[in-house]
Amino acid sequence: MKIIFNILLIFIFFVAFVPPFRRFLFWMLVGRQLVKEQKKANRTTQRREGEVRVEQKPSNPDQSRFRGGEYVDYEEVKD
């Protein structure tokens, strides 16, 4: 039991006072997954600079989810 306590104490010491060990531990736990997700996001959204994307209107207006709004009259109020 004393050996486990000593190992745990040394581990806590390293995490608390040794920055390179702390960075390595963070990279092992979180960093690899974070880098993987960033690469995945860059692959899907990669476009040339200045590229414009235009979504086409549905061919049948009845298939559109947006039904439009109502026209509302308004008065211009001047102060």
Protein backbone atom coordinates (compact mmCIF):
# COMPACT_ATOMS: atom_id res chain seq x y z
CA MET A 1 0.00 0.00 0.00
CA LYS A 2 2.88 2.34 0.74
CA ILE A 3 4.29 1.80 -2.77
CA ILE A 4 1.01 2.84 -4.40
CA PHE A 5 0.88 5.94 -2.20
CA ASN A 6 4.46 6.86 -3.14
CA ILE A 7 3.77 6.39 -6.85
CA LEU A 8 0.63 8.53 -6.57
CA LEU A 9 2.53 11.21 -4.66
CA ILE A 10 5.31 11.31 -7.29
CA PHE A 11 2.70 11.51 -10.07
CA ILE A 12 0.97 14.46 -8.37
CA PHE A 13 4.36 16.12 -7.88
CA PHE A 14 5.16 15.79 -11.58
CA VAL A 15 1.77 17.13 -12.65
CA ALA A 16 2.02 20.07 -10.27
CA PHE A 17 5.63 21.16 -10.77
CA VAL A 18 6.94 19.89 -14.12
CA PRO A 19 5.42 21.83 -17.05
CA PRO A 20 6.76 19.55 -19.84
CA PHE A 21 5.21 16.54 -18.14
CA ARG A 22 1.95 18.45 -17.72
CA ARG A 23 1.92 19.37 -21.44
CA PHE A 24 2.64 15.78 -22.42
CA LEU A 25 -0.12 14.49 -20.16
CA PHE A 26 -2.59 17.00 -21.61
CA TRP A 27 -1.56 16.03 -25.13
CA MET A 28 -2.06 12.35 -24.31
CA LEU A 29 -5.52 12.93 -22.84
CA VAL A 30 -6.99 15.71 -25.00
CA GLY A 31 -4.58 16.98 -27.62
CA ARG A 32 -4.62 14.10 -30.07
CA GLN A 33 -8.42 14.07 -30.24
CA LEU A 34 -8.49 17.85 -30.61
CA VAL A 35 -6.01 17.78 -33.51
CA LYS A 36 -7.98 14.98 -35.17
CA GLU A 37 -11.24 16.97 -34.97
CA GLN A 38 -9.56 20.12 -36.32
CA LYS A 39 -8.20 18.22 -39.32
CA LYS A 40 -11.63 16.72 -39.95
CA ALA A 41 -13.26 20.18 -39.84
CA ASN A 42 -10.62 21.67 -42.17
CA ARG A 43 -11.15 18.92 -44.74
CA THR A 44 -14.90 19.49 -44.92
CA THR A 45 -14.86 23.31 -45.05
CA GLN A 46 -11.77 23.89 -47.14
CA ARG A 47 -12.43 26.40 -49.94
CA ARG A 48 -10.36 28.68 -52.08
CA GLU A 49 -9.97 32.26 -50.93
CA GLY A 50 -12.71 34.49 -52.31
CA GLU A 51 -14.93 31.57 -53.34
CA VAL A 52 -18.65 32.29 -53.15
CA ARG A 53 -21.14 29.54 -52.49
CA VAL A 54 -24.68 30.01 -53.81
CA GLU A 55 -27.41 27.65 -52.71
CA GLN A 56 -29.91 26.96 -55.45
CA LYS A 57 -33.59 27.63 -54.97
CA PRO A 58 -35.76 24.49 -54.96
CA SER A 59 -37.29 23.80 -58.36
CA ASN A 60 -40.76 23.29 -56.88
CA PRO A 61 -41.80 26.16 -54.58
CA ASP A 62 -44.12 23.82 -52.62
CA GLN A 63 -41.10 21.84 -51.40
CA SER A 64 -39.55 24.84 -49.69
CA ARG A 65 -39.62 24.81 -45.88
CA PHE A 66 -39.76 28.61 -45.77
CA ARG A 67 -43.28 29.78 -46.49
CA GLY A 68 -42.52 33.49 -46.35
CA GLY A 69 -44.09 36.07 -44.12
CA GLU A 70 -46.96 38.47 -44.13
CA TYR A 71 -46.74 42.01 -45.39
CA VAL A 72 -46.98 44.50 -42.55
CA ASP A 73 -47.89 48.14 -43.13
CA TYR A 74 -45.79 50.65 -41.32
CA GLU A 75 -45.71 54.37 -40.81
CA GLU A 76 -42.54 56.37 -40.77
CA VAL A 77 -42.41 58.47 -37.60
CA LYS A 78 -40.31 61.63 -37.66
CA ASP A 79 -39.13 63.27 -34.47
